[in-house]
C-alpha atoms as a PDB file:
ATOM      1  CA  MET A   1    -104.591  20.507 127.274  1.00  0.00           C
ATOM      2  CA  SER A   2    -103.096  19.772 130.985  1.00  0.00           C
ATOM      3  CA  LEU A   3     -99.697  20.144 131.888  1.00  0.00           C
ATOM      4  CA  ILE A   4     -97.580  17.076 132.612  1.00  0.00           C
ATOM      5  CA  ALA A   5     -95.639  16.631 135.850  1.00  0.00           C
ATOM      6  CA  PRO A   6     -92.176  17.681 136.234  1.00  0.00           C
ATOM      7  CA  GLN A   7     -90.680  14.246 136.340  1.00  0.00           C
ATOM      8  CA  ASP A   8     -92.548  13.654 132.962  1.00  0.00           C
ATOM      9  CA  ALA A   9     -91.171  16.607 131.350  1.00  0.00           C
ATOM     10  CA  ALA A  10     -87.331  15.690 132.684  1.00  0.00           C
ATOM     11  CA  PHE A  11     -87.641  12.396 131.377  1.00  0.00           C
ATOM     12  CA  LEU A  12     -89.066  13.670 127.679  1.00  0.00           C
ATOM     13  CA  LEU A  13     -86.402  16.658 127.905  1.00  0.00           C
ATOM     14  CA  GLY A  14     -83.515  13.571 128.398  1.00  0.00           C
ATOM     15  CA  GLU A  15     -84.330  12.109 125.294  1.00  0.00           C
ATOM     16  CA  THR A  16     -82.343  12.596 121.926  1.00  0.00           C
ATOM     17  CA  PRO A  17     -82.199  10.842 118.325  1.00  0.00           C
ATOM     18  CA  ALA A  18     -79.306   8.765 119.632  1.00  0.00           C
ATOM     19  CA  GLN A  19     -80.609   7.838 122.881  1.00  0.00           C
ATOM     20  CA  PRO A  20     -84.350   7.251 123.048  1.00  0.00           C
ATOM     21  CA  THR A  21     -85.874   7.119 126.150  1.00  0.00           C
ATOM     22  CA  HIS A  22     -89.695   6.731 125.620  1.00  0.00           C
ATOM     23  CA  VAL A  23     -91.124   2.687 125.243  1.00  0.00           C
ATOM     24  CA  ALA A  24     -93.650   1.244 122.979  1.00  0.00           C
ATOM     25  CA  GLY A  25     -95.438  -1.860 123.078  1.00  0.00           C
ATOM     26  CA  LEU A  26     -97.533  -3.836 120.324  1.00  0.00           C
ATOM     27  CA  ALA A  27    -100.295  -6.471 121.469  1.00  0.00           C
ATOM     28  CA  ILE A  28    -102.215  -8.078 118.958  1.00  0.00           C
ATOM     29  CA  TYR A  29    -105.584  -9.796 119.977  1.00  0.00           C
ATOM     30  CA  GLU A  30    -108.130 -12.046 117.933  1.00  0.00           C
ATOM     31  CA  LEU A  31    -111.776 -11.648 118.924  1.00  0.00           C
ATOM     32  CA  PRO A  32    -113.504 -14.577 120.849  1.00  0.00           C
ATOM     33  CA  PRO A  33    -115.324 -16.907 118.357  1.00  0.00           C
ATOM     34  CA  ASN A  34    -118.790 -15.924 119.554  1.00  0.00           C
ATOM     35  CA  ALA A  35    -117.932 -11.950 119.578  1.00  0.00           C
ATOM     36  CA  GLY A  36    -121.015  -9.721 118.879  1.00  0.00           C
ATOM     37  CA  ARG A  37    -120.527  -6.571 117.040  1.00  0.00           C
ATOM     38  CA  ASP A  38    -120.062  -4.421 119.809  1.00  0.00           C
ATOM     39  CA  TYR A  39    -117.689  -6.601 121.615  1.00  0.00           C
ATOM     40  CA  VAL A  40    -114.714  -4.283 121.149  1.00  0.00           C
ATOM     41  CA  GLY A  41    -117.272  -1.530 122.289  1.00  0.00           C
ATOM     42  CA  GLY A  42    -118.017  -3.106 125.100  1.00  0.00           C
ATOM     43  CA  LEU A  43    -114.680  -4.165 126.141  1.00  0.00           C
ATOM     44  CA  TYR A  44    -113.630  -0.299 125.875  1.00  0.00           C
ATOM     45  CA  ARG A  45    -116.424   0.922 127.754  1.00  0.00           C
ATOM     46  CA  GLU A  46    -115.605  -1.676 130.544  1.00  0.00           C
ATOM     47  CA  LEU A  47    -111.972  -0.659 130.563  1.00  0.00           C
ATOM     48  CA  LEU A  48    -112.312   2.820 130.592  1.00  0.00           C
ATOM     49  CA  ARG A  49    -114.865   3.111 133.482  1.00  0.00           C
ATOM     50  CA  PRO A  50    -112.501   2.803 136.182  1.00  0.00           C
ATOM     51  CA  TRP A  51    -110.968   6.481 134.784  1.00  0.00           C
ATOM     52  CA  VAL A  52    -114.341   7.715 134.114  1.00  0.00           C
ATOM     53  CA  THR A  53    -115.684   7.222 137.488  1.00  0.00           C
ATOM     54  CA  HIS A  54    -112.443   8.714 138.992  1.00  0.00           C
ATOM     55  CA  GLU A  55    -112.706  11.706 137.044  1.00  0.00           C
ATOM     56  CA  ALA A  56    -116.586  12.195 137.811  1.00  0.00           C
ATOM     57  CA  GLU A  57    -115.685  11.715 141.671  1.00  0.00           C
ATOM     58  CA  ASN A  58    -113.010  14.249 141.558  1.00  0.00           C
ATOM     59  CA  ARG A  59    -114.795  17.072 139.907  1.00  0.00           C
END
């Protein structure tokens, strides 16, 4: 597990039950009419590619 940045740690330490500082979101999607069985898997791989490429280049 990697450590978080000091700014992120300070943000989390300031959170209390009475004053939450975290943010959440919910997005609901529908598959396109002609989506194949691997549509979601392909979309996941496509969205993940920039991060995987970046990590591989920085090793």
